[in-house]
Amino acid sequence: MRRFIVIGHEAPTDPDFPLDDLPGGAGRLDLLCRSVTAGLLYSHGIRSDASVTTLHDDAFAVEFDGAALRGLHPDERSTAARFREALARVDEAVGMIEVDVAPGISVARRTIEQYLAALDLPLVQLHEAGDPITELPADGEYAFVLSDHRNFTPAEATVMESVADRRVSVGPLPIHADQAITIVQNYLDTDGYHRYG
C-alpha cells in the first residue's frame, strides 16, 4: 500500500469555488488535483494499491482510495468536481465520523496531527533537505506526506518531527508536489530503479 498525504495550505474548504479558475479562485486546488492524479493514475488505469489524501485548513481530510475509486479522469477540472462533491458533504462529518461521498472518495474532520498520528504505515516526509530516496527500501509500504506549493509551517514541521519515521528527498531542487509523487511511484514501481519490465 502507498499512501500520499498532501497538506493544502490554500485549499478550498467549501464547494463554492469556480471550476474554471482552479489556480486562483479555487485556492490552488489545481495543485491538489494534479497530486491526486499523479498518485492514482497510470495510462488507462487506476492504481488499486494507492491512496491520496488532501488535508484542508488543518480541519478535515478528503481521501481518494484507488482500490474503490471509479471514474477518475486525468484532467484537473473533473478531479476538482470530485473535490466539490466531497466538500459539499463536510457538514455530515461529525466528530470522528467519516462520510463516504462516492466509491473511493470520503471526507472526515481531522487535524493534520490527528490524521498523521492514526496512520498504520511508516510515515515518510518528502522534503528537499531529506536523505536521498535511494536510501529508502523500495520493497516497503509507506505513507508519504508532503506540502503543496508552500513550505511546511513551523507547527507542521513540529508535528513532522514527532510522527515521521524518516525524511527523504527525491532530488536536489524543489519541485511540484505532483512531480514528487510521480518520482516516488517510479522509484517503488522499479524496485528502487533496478527493475524495468
N, C-alpha and C. Protein backbone atom coordinates (compact mmCIF):
# COMPACT_ATOMS: atom_id res chain seq x y z
N MET A 1 0.85 -1.20 0.00
CA MET A 1 0.00 0.00 0.00
C MET A 1 0.87 1.24 0.00
N ARG A 2 0.50 2.21 -0.80
CA ARG A 2 1.18 3.50 -0.85
C ARG A 2 0.15 4.59 -0.57
N ARG A 3 0.44 5.38 0.43
CA ARG A 3 -0.45 6.49 0.75
C ARG A 3 0.32 7.78 0.54
N PHE A 4 -0.35 8.75 -0.05
CA PHE A 4 0.23 10.08 -0.22
C PHE A 4 -0.70 11.07 0.48
N ILE A 5 -0.12 11.88 1.35
CA ILE A 5 -0.88 12.87 2.10
C ILE A 5 -0.33 14.23 1.74
N VAL A 6 -1.17 15.07 1.17
CA VAL A 6 -0.74 16.40 0.72
C VAL A 6 -1.42 17.45 1.58
N ILE A 7 -0.61 18.29 2.22
CA ILE A 7 -1.15 19.37 3.02
C ILE A 7 -1.44 20.55 2.09
N GLY A 8 -2.72 20.93 2.03
CA GLY A 8 -3.13 22.04 1.16
C GLY A 8 -3.30 23.32 1.96
N HIS A 9 -2.39 24.24 1.80
CA HIS A 9 -2.42 25.46 2.62
C HIS A 9 -3.44 26.49 2.14
N GLU A 10 -3.80 26.44 0.88
CA GLU A 10 -4.80 27.38 0.36
C GLU A 10 -6.00 26.65 -0.23
N ALA A 11 -6.12 25.39 0.10
CA ALA A 11 -7.19 24.57 -0.47
C ALA A 11 -8.55 25.07 -0.04
N PRO A 12 -9.54 25.00 -0.92
CA PRO A 12 -10.88 25.46 -0.54
C PRO A 12 -11.46 24.58 0.56
N THR A 13 -12.33 25.18 1.35
CA THR A 13 -12.97 24.46 2.43
C THR A 13 -14.48 24.36 2.26
N ASP A 14 -14.98 24.90 1.17
CA ASP A 14 -16.40 24.74 0.85
C ASP A 14 -16.51 24.54 -0.67
N PRO A 15 -17.65 24.02 -1.13
CA PRO A 15 -17.76 23.66 -2.54
C PRO A 15 -18.01 24.82 -3.49
N ASP A 16 -18.13 26.02 -2.97
CA ASP A 16 -18.46 27.17 -3.80
C ASP A 16 -17.19 27.79 -4.39
N PHE A 17 -16.58 27.07 -5.30
CA PHE A 17 -15.40 27.59 -5.98
C PHE A 17 -15.57 27.40 -7.49
N PRO A 18 -14.92 28.23 -8.29
CA PRO A 18 -15.09 28.14 -9.75
C PRO A 18 -14.25 27.02 -10.36
N LEU A 19 -14.89 26.16 -11.11
CA LEU A 19 -14.16 25.11 -11.80
C LEU A 19 -13.30 25.66 -12.93
N ASP A 20 -13.58 26.88 -13.36
CA ASP A 20 -12.83 27.47 -14.47
C ASP A 20 -11.65 28.32 -14.01
N ASP A 21 -11.40 28.38 -12.70
CA ASP A 21 -10.26 29.16 -12.20
C ASP A 21 -9.64 28.45 -11.00
N LEU A 22 -9.14 27.24 -11.23
CA LEU A 22 -8.60 26.44 -10.14
C LEU A 22 -7.33 27.03 -9.53
N PRO A 23 -6.42 27.66 -10.32
CA PRO A 23 -5.22 28.22 -9.70
C PRO A 23 -5.48 29.48 -8.90
N GLY A 24 -6.57 30.19 -9.17
CA GLY A 24 -6.82 31.46 -8.49
C GLY A 24 -8.01 31.39 -7.57
N GLY A 25 -9.19 31.32 -8.16
CA GLY A 25 -10.43 31.37 -7.39
C GLY A 25 -10.68 30.15 -6.54
N ALA A 26 -9.97 29.06 -6.80
CA ALA A 26 -10.16 27.83 -6.02
C ALA A 26 -8.99 27.56 -5.08
N GLY A 27 -8.18 28.57 -4.79
CA GLY A 27 -7.13 28.43 -3.79
C GLY A 27 -6.07 27.39 -4.13
N ARG A 28 -5.62 27.36 -5.36
CA ARG A 28 -4.60 26.42 -5.83
C ARG A 28 -5.05 24.96 -5.74
N LEU A 29 -6.33 24.77 -5.94
CA LEU A 29 -6.85 23.40 -5.99
C LEU A 29 -6.24 22.64 -7.17
N ASP A 30 -5.77 23.36 -8.18
CA ASP A 30 -5.12 22.71 -9.31
C ASP A 30 -3.96 21.83 -8.86
N LEU A 31 -3.20 22.29 -7.85
CA LEU A 31 -2.07 21.51 -7.34
C LEU A 31 -2.53 20.21 -6.69
N LEU A 32 -3.61 20.29 -5.94
CA LEU A 32 -4.12 19.09 -5.30
C LEU A 32 -4.70 18.12 -6.32
N CYS A 33 -5.36 18.65 -7.34
CA CYS A 33 -5.91 17.80 -8.40
C CYS A 33 -4.80 17.04 -9.11
N ARG A 34 -3.72 17.73 -9.42
CA ARG A 34 -2.59 17.07 -10.09
C ARG A 34 -1.95 16.03 -9.17
N SER A 35 -1.92 16.31 -7.88
CA SER A 35 -1.36 15.34 -6.93
C SER A 35 -2.22 14.08 -6.86
N VAL A 36 -3.53 14.26 -6.89
CA VAL A 36 -4.43 13.10 -6.87
C VAL A 36 -4.20 12.23 -8.10
N THR A 37 -4.15 12.84 -9.26
CA THR A 37 -3.98 12.04 -10.48
C THR A 37 -2.58 11.43 -10.55
N ALA A 38 -1.56 12.13 -10.07
CA ALA A 38 -0.20 11.57 -10.07
C ALA A 38 -0.12 10.36 -9.14
N GLY A 39 -0.84 10.42 -8.03
CA GLY A 39 -0.78 9.33 -7.07
C GLY A 39 -1.62 8.13 -7.45
N LEU A 40 -2.64 8.33 -8.28
CA LEU A 40 -3.60 7.25 -8.52
C LEU A 40 -3.69 6.75 -9.95
N LEU A 41 -3.28 7.55 -10.92
CA LEU A 41 -3.49 7.14 -12.31
C LEU A 41 -2.19 6.69 -12.98
N TYR A 42 -2.34 5.70 -13.84
CA TYR A 42 -1.32 5.39 -14.83
C TYR A 42 -2.05 5.33 -16.16
N SER A 43 -1.38 5.12 -17.24
CA SER A 43 -2.03 5.18 -18.54
C SER A 43 -3.18 4.17 -18.61
N HIS A 44 -4.39 4.67 -18.75
CA HIS A 44 -5.60 3.86 -18.89
C HIS A 44 -5.90 3.01 -17.66
N GLY A 45 -5.53 3.47 -16.48
CA GLY A 45 -5.85 2.68 -15.29
C GLY A 45 -5.72 3.47 -14.00
N ILE A 46 -6.28 2.89 -12.94
CA ILE A 46 -6.20 3.45 -11.60
C ILE A 46 -5.41 2.48 -10.72
N ARG A 47 -4.47 2.99 -9.97
CA ARG A 47 -3.67 2.16 -9.07
C ARG A 47 -4.54 1.69 -7.90
N SER A 48 -4.70 0.39 -7.79
CA SER A 48 -5.52 -0.14 -6.70
C SER A 48 -4.75 -0.24 -5.39
N ASP A 49 -3.44 -0.04 -5.43
CA ASP A 49 -2.61 -0.17 -4.22
C ASP A 49 -2.21 1.19 -3.66
N ALA A 50 -2.91 2.26 -4.05
CA ALA A 50 -2.52 3.60 -3.62
C ALA A 50 -3.73 4.42 -3.19
N SER A 51 -3.47 5.41 -2.35
CA SER A 51 -4.49 6.37 -1.98
C SER A 51 -3.83 7.74 -1.86
N VAL A 52 -4.63 8.77 -2.05
CA VAL A 52 -4.17 10.15 -1.88
C VAL A 52 -5.16 10.86 -0.97
N THR A 53 -4.63 11.50 0.06
CA THR A 53 -5.46 12.28 0.98
C THR A 53 -4.97 13.71 0.97
N THR A 54 -5.90 14.64 0.88
CA THR A 54 -5.55 16.06 0.97
C THR A 54 -6.10 16.59 2.28
N LEU A 55 -5.27 17.37 2.98
CA LEU A 55 -5.65 17.94 4.26
C LEU A 55 -5.92 19.42 4.07
N HIS A 56 -7.11 19.86 4.45
CA HIS A 56 -7.58 21.22 4.20
C HIS A 56 -7.71 22.01 5.49
N ASP A 57 -7.03 23.13 5.57
CA ASP A 57 -7.22 24.11 6.65
C ASP A 57 -7.04 23.50 8.04
N ASP A 58 -6.20 22.46 8.13
CA ASP A 58 -5.97 21.77 9.41
C ASP A 58 -7.28 21.40 10.09
N ALA A 59 -8.29 21.07 9.26
CA ALA A 59 -9.61 20.80 9.82
C ALA A 59 -10.24 19.52 9.29
N PHE A 60 -10.00 19.17 8.03
CA PHE A 60 -10.59 17.96 7.51
C PHE A 60 -9.76 17.37 6.38
N ALA A 61 -10.07 16.12 6.06
CA ALA A 61 -9.31 15.36 5.07
C ALA A 61 -10.25 14.82 4.01
N VAL A 62 -9.81 14.92 2.74
CA VAL A 62 -10.52 14.30 1.63
C VAL A 62 -9.63 13.17 1.12
N GLU A 63 -10.18 11.95 1.11
CA GLU A 63 -9.39 10.80 0.71
C GLU A 63 -9.91 10.18 -0.58
N PHE A 64 -8.97 9.86 -1.47
CA PHE A 64 -9.24 9.15 -2.71
C PHE A 64 -8.53 7.80 -2.61
N ASP A 65 -9.31 6.72 -2.58
CA ASP A 65 -8.77 5.37 -2.41
C ASP A 65 -8.83 4.62 -3.74
N GLY A 66 -7.67 4.34 -4.30
CA GLY A 66 -7.61 3.71 -5.62
C GLY A 66 -8.27 2.35 -5.69
N ALA A 67 -8.35 1.62 -4.58
CA ALA A 67 -8.96 0.29 -4.60
C ALA A 67 -10.45 0.33 -4.90
N ALA A 68 -11.11 1.42 -4.54
CA ALA A 68 -12.56 1.52 -4.73
C ALA A 68 -12.98 2.60 -5.72
N LEU A 69 -12.03 3.46 -6.09
CA LEU A 69 -12.34 4.63 -6.91
C LEU A 69 -12.79 4.24 -8.32
N ARG A 70 -13.77 4.97 -8.83
CA ARG A 70 -14.25 4.74 -10.19
C ARG A 70 -14.37 6.10 -10.89
N GLY A 71 -14.06 6.12 -12.18
CA GLY A 71 -14.32 7.30 -12.99
C GLY A 71 -13.43 8.50 -12.72
N LEU A 72 -12.22 8.28 -12.23
CA LEU A 72 -11.29 9.40 -12.08
C LEU A 72 -10.61 9.63 -13.42
N HIS A 73 -10.62 10.87 -13.89
CA HIS A 73 -10.03 11.22 -15.17
C HIS A 73 -8.80 12.09 -14.94
N PRO A 74 -7.88 12.15 -15.90
CA PRO A 74 -6.62 12.86 -15.67
C PRO A 74 -6.68 14.38 -15.76
N ASP A 75 -7.82 14.95 -16.11
CA ASP A 75 -7.87 16.41 -16.22
C ASP A 75 -8.20 17.04 -14.87
N GLU A 76 -7.67 18.21 -14.63
CA GLU A 76 -7.85 18.89 -13.35
C GLU A 76 -9.31 19.23 -13.08
N ARG A 77 -10.02 19.64 -14.11
CA ARG A 77 -11.39 20.13 -13.91
C ARG A 77 -12.30 19.03 -13.37
N SER A 78 -12.22 17.83 -13.95
CA SER A 78 -13.10 16.76 -13.48
C SER A 78 -12.69 16.28 -12.09
N THR A 79 -11.39 16.32 -11.78
CA THR A 79 -10.95 15.96 -10.42
C THR A 79 -11.44 17.01 -9.43
N ALA A 80 -11.40 18.29 -9.83
CA ALA A 80 -11.91 19.36 -8.97
C ALA A 80 -13.40 19.17 -8.70
N ALA A 81 -14.14 18.67 -9.67
CA ALA A 81 -15.57 18.41 -9.46
C ALA A 81 -15.76 17.33 -8.40
N ARG A 82 -14.84 16.37 -8.34
CA ARG A 82 -14.91 15.33 -7.30
C ARG A 82 -14.63 15.94 -5.92
N PHE A 83 -13.68 16.90 -5.87
CA PHE A 83 -13.45 17.62 -4.62
C PHE A 83 -14.71 18.38 -4.21
N ARG A 84 -15.37 18.97 -5.19
CA ARG A 84 -16.59 19.74 -4.89
C ARG A 84 -17.64 18.83 -4.24
N GLU A 85 -17.78 17.61 -4.75
CA GLU A 85 -18.71 16.65 -4.15
C GLU A 85 -18.36 16.39 -2.69
N ALA A 86 -17.06 16.21 -2.42
CA ALA A 86 -16.63 15.92 -1.05
C ALA A 86 -16.85 17.11 -0.13
N LEU A 87 -16.51 18.31 -0.60
CA LEU A 87 -16.64 19.49 0.24
C LEU A 87 -18.10 19.80 0.55
N ALA A 88 -19.00 19.40 -0.32
CA ALA A 88 -20.43 19.61 -0.08
C ALA A 88 -20.96 18.72 1.03
N ARG A 89 -20.19 17.71 1.43
CA ARG A 89 -20.63 16.77 2.45
C ARG A 89 -19.90 16.93 3.78
N VAL A 90 -19.03 17.93 3.90
CA VAL A 90 -18.23 18.11 5.11
C VAL A 90 -19.10 18.22 6.36
N ASP A 91 -20.22 18.91 6.27
CA ASP A 91 -21.07 19.11 7.44
C ASP A 91 -21.60 17.79 8.01
N GLU A 92 -21.63 16.75 7.19
CA GLU A 92 -22.10 15.44 7.67
C GLU A 92 -21.03 14.72 8.48
N ALA A 93 -19.78 15.15 8.36
CA ALA A 93 -18.69 14.52 9.09
C ALA A 93 -18.63 15.10 10.50
N VAL A 94 -19.38 14.50 11.39
CA VAL A 94 -19.47 14.98 12.77
C VAL A 94 -18.54 14.15 13.64
N GLY A 95 -17.77 14.82 14.48
CA GLY A 95 -16.81 14.10 15.32
C GLY A 95 -15.82 13.34 14.47
N MET A 96 -15.66 12.06 14.76
CA MET A 96 -14.70 11.24 14.00
C MET A 96 -15.38 10.43 12.90
N ILE A 97 -16.65 10.74 12.61
CA ILE A 97 -17.38 10.01 11.58
C ILE A 97 -16.84 10.38 10.20
N GLU A 98 -16.53 9.36 9.42
CA GLU A 98 -16.07 9.56 8.03
C GLU A 98 -17.27 9.41 7.11
N VAL A 99 -17.39 10.29 6.13
CA VAL A 99 -18.53 10.27 5.23
C VAL A 99 -18.09 9.76 3.86
N ASP A 100 -18.74 8.70 3.38
CA ASP A 100 -18.48 8.19 2.04
C ASP A 100 -19.25 9.06 1.05
N VAL A 101 -18.50 9.71 0.17
CA VAL A 101 -19.08 10.64 -0.79
C VAL A 101 -19.46 9.94 -2.08
N ALA A 102 -18.58 9.08 -2.53
CA ALA A 102 -18.75 8.30 -3.76
C ALA A 102 -17.81 7.12 -3.63
N PRO A 103 -17.94 6.10 -4.49
CA PRO A 103 -16.99 4.98 -4.38
C PRO A 103 -15.54 5.46 -4.40
N GLY A 104 -14.82 5.17 -3.31
CA GLY A 104 -13.41 5.54 -3.23
C GLY A 104 -13.13 6.96 -2.79
N ILE A 105 -14.15 7.74 -2.47
CA ILE A 105 -13.94 9.13 -2.02
C ILE A 105 -14.66 9.33 -0.70
N SER A 106 -13.93 9.85 0.28
CA SER A 106 -14.53 10.10 1.59
C SER A 106 -14.00 11.42 2.15
N VAL A 107 -14.71 11.94 3.14
CA VAL A 107 -14.29 13.17 3.81
C VAL A 107 -14.48 12.95 5.31
N ALA A 108 -13.54 13.50 6.09
CA ALA A 108 -13.60 13.36 7.54
C ALA A 108 -13.00 14.59 8.20
N ARG A 109 -13.48 14.90 9.38
CA ARG A 109 -12.91 16.01 10.14
C ARG A 109 -11.68 15.49 10.89
N ARG A 110 -10.51 16.00 10.51
CA ARG A 110 -9.26 15.60 11.14
C ARG A 110 -8.30 16.77 11.08
N THR A 111 -7.58 17.02 12.17
CA THR A 111 -6.46 17.94 12.08
C THR A 111 -5.30 17.17 11.46
N ILE A 112 -4.28 17.90 11.05
CA ILE A 112 -3.10 17.24 10.48
C ILE A 112 -2.51 16.26 11.48
N GLU A 113 -2.38 16.70 12.73
CA GLU A 113 -1.79 15.84 13.75
C GLU A 113 -2.63 14.60 13.99
N GLN A 114 -3.95 14.75 14.06
CA GLN A 114 -4.83 13.59 14.26
C GLN A 114 -4.71 12.61 13.10
N TYR A 115 -4.71 13.13 11.89
CA TYR A 115 -4.67 12.25 10.73
C TYR A 115 -3.36 11.47 10.67
N LEU A 116 -2.24 12.18 10.83
CA LEU A 116 -0.94 11.53 10.71
C LEU A 116 -0.69 10.55 11.85
N ALA A 117 -1.13 10.89 13.05
CA ALA A 117 -0.91 10.01 14.20
C ALA A 117 -1.68 8.70 14.07
N ALA A 118 -2.76 8.69 13.30
CA ALA A 118 -3.59 7.49 13.17
C ALA A 118 -3.14 6.57 12.05
N LEU A 119 -2.15 6.96 11.27
CA LEU A 119 -1.71 6.13 10.15
C LEU A 119 -1.06 4.85 10.64
N ASP A 120 -1.29 3.76 9.91
CA ASP A 120 -0.74 2.47 10.31
C ASP A 120 0.41 2.02 9.41
N LEU A 121 1.01 2.95 8.69
CA LEU A 121 2.17 2.67 7.85
C LEU A 121 3.33 3.55 8.29
N PRO A 122 4.57 3.14 8.02
CA PRO A 122 5.69 4.03 8.31
C PRO A 122 5.50 5.36 7.58
N LEU A 123 5.67 6.46 8.29
CA LEU A 123 5.43 7.79 7.74
C LEU A 123 6.73 8.39 7.23
N VAL A 124 6.74 8.77 5.96
CA VAL A 124 7.92 9.34 5.32
C VAL A 124 7.59 10.76 4.88
N GLN A 125 8.30 11.72 5.40
CA GLN A 125 8.13 13.12 4.97
C GLN A 125 8.96 13.34 3.72
N LEU A 126 8.34 13.86 2.67
CA LEU A 126 9.07 14.24 1.46
C LEU A 126 9.51 15.68 1.62
N HIS A 127 10.81 15.89 1.56
CA HIS A 127 11.38 17.22 1.82
C HIS A 127 12.72 17.30 1.12
N GLU A 128 12.97 18.44 0.46
CA GLU A 128 14.22 18.55 -0.31
C GLU A 128 15.47 18.43 0.54
N ALA A 129 15.35 18.62 1.85
CA ALA A 129 16.52 18.51 2.73
C ALA A 129 16.67 17.11 3.33
N GLY A 130 15.87 16.17 2.87
CA GLY A 130 15.92 14.82 3.43
C GLY A 130 17.03 13.97 2.84
N ASP A 131 17.12 12.73 3.31
CA ASP A 131 18.06 11.77 2.75
C ASP A 131 17.62 11.38 1.34
N PRO A 132 18.54 10.98 0.48
CA PRO A 132 18.14 10.57 -0.87
C PRO A 132 17.14 9.41 -0.82
N ILE A 133 16.16 9.45 -1.69
CA ILE A 133 15.13 8.40 -1.69
C ILE A 133 15.74 7.03 -1.93
N THR A 134 16.88 6.98 -2.58
CA THR A 134 17.52 5.69 -2.85
C THR A 134 17.96 4.99 -1.57
N GLU A 135 17.95 5.68 -0.43
CA GLU A 135 18.26 5.04 0.85
C GLU A 135 17.02 4.42 1.49
N LEU A 136 15.86 4.65 0.89
CA LEU A 136 14.60 4.08 1.40
C LEU A 136 14.39 2.71 0.77
N PRO A 137 14.21 1.65 1.56
CA PRO A 137 13.96 0.34 0.97
C PRO A 137 12.74 0.38 0.05
N ALA A 138 12.92 -0.07 -1.18
CA ALA A 138 11.86 0.06 -2.18
C ALA A 138 10.80 -1.03 -2.09
N ASP A 139 10.98 -1.98 -1.20
CA ASP A 139 10.00 -3.06 -1.09
C ASP A 139 9.03 -2.86 0.07
N GLY A 140 9.04 -1.68 0.67
CA GLY A 140 8.17 -1.42 1.81
C GLY A 140 6.86 -0.75 1.42
N GLU A 141 5.96 -0.68 2.40
CA GLU A 141 4.72 0.07 2.25
C GLU A 141 4.84 1.31 3.12
N TYR A 142 4.46 2.45 2.55
CA TYR A 142 4.70 3.71 3.25
C TYR A 142 3.52 4.67 3.09
N ALA A 143 3.50 5.63 4.00
CA ALA A 143 2.66 6.81 3.86
C ALA A 143 3.60 7.99 3.68
N PHE A 144 3.48 8.68 2.57
CA PHE A 144 4.35 9.82 2.26
C PHE A 144 3.56 11.10 2.49
N VAL A 145 4.14 12.01 3.24
CA VAL A 145 3.47 13.28 3.48
C VAL A 145 4.30 14.40 2.87
N LEU A 146 3.63 15.31 2.19
CA LEU A 146 4.31 16.41 1.54
C LEU A 146 3.42 17.64 1.55
N SER A 147 4.04 18.77 1.30
CA SER A 147 3.31 20.03 1.29
C SER A 147 2.98 20.41 -0.15
N ASP A 148 2.02 21.30 -0.30
CA ASP A 148 1.67 21.78 -1.64
C ASP A 148 2.77 22.73 -2.14
N HIS A 149 2.44 23.90 -2.60
CA HIS A 149 3.44 24.82 -3.13
C HIS A 149 4.07 25.67 -2.03
N ARG A 150 3.64 25.51 -0.82
CA ARG A 150 4.21 26.24 0.31
C ARG A 150 5.04 25.30 1.17
N ASN A 151 5.98 25.86 1.92
CA ASN A 151 6.75 25.06 2.85
C ASN A 151 5.86 24.62 4.01
N PHE A 152 6.28 23.60 4.71
CA PHE A 152 5.61 23.22 5.94
C PHE A 152 5.68 24.41 6.90
N THR A 153 4.59 24.68 7.58
CA THR A 153 4.61 25.74 8.59
C THR A 153 5.43 25.27 9.79
N PRO A 154 5.86 26.18 10.66
CA PRO A 154 6.58 25.74 11.87
C PRO A 154 5.78 24.72 12.68
N ALA A 155 4.47 24.92 12.79
CA ALA A 155 3.65 23.96 13.55
C ALA A 155 3.63 22.60 12.86
N GLU A 156 3.51 22.59 11.54
CA GLU A 156 3.53 21.33 10.79
C GLU A 156 4.88 20.65 10.91
N ALA A 157 5.95 21.43 10.86
CA ALA A 157 7.29 20.87 10.99
C ALA A 157 7.46 20.21 12.36
N THR A 158 6.88 20.81 13.38
CA THR A 158 6.94 20.21 14.72
C THR A 158 6.20 18.89 14.75
N VAL A 159 5.02 18.84 14.11
CA VAL A 159 4.27 17.59 14.03
C VAL A 159 5.09 16.54 13.28
N MET A 160 5.72 16.94 12.18
CA MET A 160 6.53 16.00 11.40
C MET A 160 7.64 15.40 12.26
N GLU A 161 8.28 16.22 13.05
CA GLU A 161 9.37 15.74 13.89
C GLU A 161 8.89 14.69 14.88
N SER A 162 7.64 14.81 15.30
CA SER A 162 7.15 13.86 16.31
C SER A 162 6.56 12.59 15.71
N VAL A 163 6.09 12.64 14.46
CA VAL A 163 5.40 11.46 13.91
C VAL A 163 6.11 10.80 12.72
N ALA A 164 6.96 11.53 12.01
CA ALA A 164 7.59 10.96 10.82
C ALA A 164 8.70 9.99 11.20
N ASP A 165 8.74 8.86 10.51
CA ASP A 165 9.80 7.89 10.73
C ASP A 165 11.07 8.26 9.98
N ARG A 166 10.91 8.91 8.83
CA ARG A 166 12.05 9.31 8.01
C ARG A 166 11.70 10.57 7.25
N ARG A 167 12.75 11.22 6.74
CA ARG A 167 12.57 12.35 5.84
C ARG A 167 13.46 12.09 4.63
N VAL A 168 12.84 12.04 3.44
CA VAL A 168 13.60 11.74 2.24
C VAL A 168 13.37 12.81 1.17
N SER A 169 14.33 12.89 0.28
CA SER A 169 14.29 13.83 -0.83
C SER A 169 14.29 13.07 -2.14
N VAL A 170 13.58 13.61 -3.13
CA VAL A 170 13.57 12.98 -4.45
C VAL A 170 14.51 13.68 -5.43
N GLY A 171 15.25 14.68 -4.97
CA GLY A 171 16.20 15.37 -5.84
C GLY A 171 16.69 16.65 -5.20
N PRO A 172 17.68 17.28 -5.83
CA PRO A 172 18.30 18.46 -5.23
C PRO A 172 17.53 19.75 -5.38
N LEU A 173 16.53 19.78 -6.26
CA LEU A 173 15.76 21.01 -6.49
C LEU A 173 14.36 20.87 -5.95
N PRO A 174 13.77 21.97 -5.46
CA PRO A 174 12.37 21.90 -5.06
C PRO A 174 11.49 21.73 -6.31
N ILE A 175 10.58 20.78 -6.26
CA ILE A 175 9.70 20.52 -7.40
C ILE A 175 8.26 20.51 -6.92
N HIS A 176 7.34 20.46 -7.87
CA HIS A 176 5.93 20.46 -7.53
C HIS A 176 5.54 19.15 -6.84
N ALA A 177 4.52 19.21 -6.01
CA ALA A 177 4.08 18.04 -5.25
C ALA A 177 3.74 16.87 -6.17
N ASP A 178 3.02 17.13 -7.26
CA ASP A 178 2.64 16.04 -8.16
C ASP A 178 3.86 15.41 -8.82
N GLN A 179 4.90 16.21 -9.09
CA GLN A 179 6.13 15.66 -9.67
C GLN A 179 6.84 14.77 -8.66
N ALA A 180 6.86 15.20 -7.40
CA ALA A 180 7.49 14.40 -6.35
C ALA A 180 6.76 13.06 -6.21
N ILE A 181 5.44 13.08 -6.28
CA ILE A 181 4.66 11.84 -6.18
C ILE A 181 4.99 10.92 -7.34
N THR A 182 5.11 11.47 -8.54
CA THR A 182 5.44 10.66 -9.71
C THR A 182 6.81 10.00 -9.55
N ILE A 183 7.77 10.73 -9.03
CA ILE A 183 9.10 10.17 -8.82
C ILE A 183 9.06 9.04 -7.79
N VAL A 184 8.32 9.24 -6.72
CA VAL A 184 8.20 8.19 -5.70
C VAL A 184 7.55 6.95 -6.30
N GLN A 185 6.49 7.13 -7.06
CA GLN A 185 5.83 5.99 -7.69
C GLN A 185 6.80 5.22 -8.59
N ASN A 186 7.57 5.95 -9.39
CA ASN A 186 8.53 5.30 -10.28
C ASN A 186 9.60 4.56 -9.49
N TYR A 187 10.07 5.16 -8.42
CA TYR A 187 11.09 4.51 -7.58
C TYR A 187 10.57 3.19 -7.02
N LEU A 188 9.33 3.20 -6.53
CA LEU A 188 8.77 1.98 -5.96
C LEU A 188 8.39 0.98 -7.05
N ASP A 189 7.87 1.48 -8.18
CA ASP A 189 7.49 0.58 -9.28
C ASP A 189 8.68 -0.20 -9.83
N THR A 190 9.85 0.40 -9.77
CA THR A 190 11.04 -0.21 -10.40
C THR A 190 11.99 -0.84 -9.37
N ASP A 191 11.48 -1.10 -8.18
CA ASP A 191 12.31 -1.70 -7.13
C ASP A 191 13.55 -0.86 -6.87
N GLY A 192 13.36 0.42 -6.75
CA GLY A 192 14.50 1.30 -6.50
C GLY A 192 15.35 1.53 -7.73
N TYR A 193 14.70 1.66 -8.87
CA TYR A 193 15.34 1.89 -10.16
C TYR A 193 16.15 0.69 -10.65
N HIS A 194 15.78 -0.53 -10.21
CA HIS A 194 16.52 -1.72 -10.61
C HIS A 194 15.73 -2.64 -11.54
N ARG A 195 14.43 -2.51 -11.59
CA ARG A 195 13.62 -3.43 -12.39
C ARG A 195 12.73 -2.64 -13.33
N TYR A 196 12.92 -2.83 -14.60
CA TYR A 196 12.09 -2.18 -15.62
C TYR A 196 11.48 -3.28 -16.49
N GLY A 197 10.25 -3.63 -16.22
CA GLY A 197 9.60 -4.63 -17.05
C GLY A 197 9.13 -5.81 -16.27
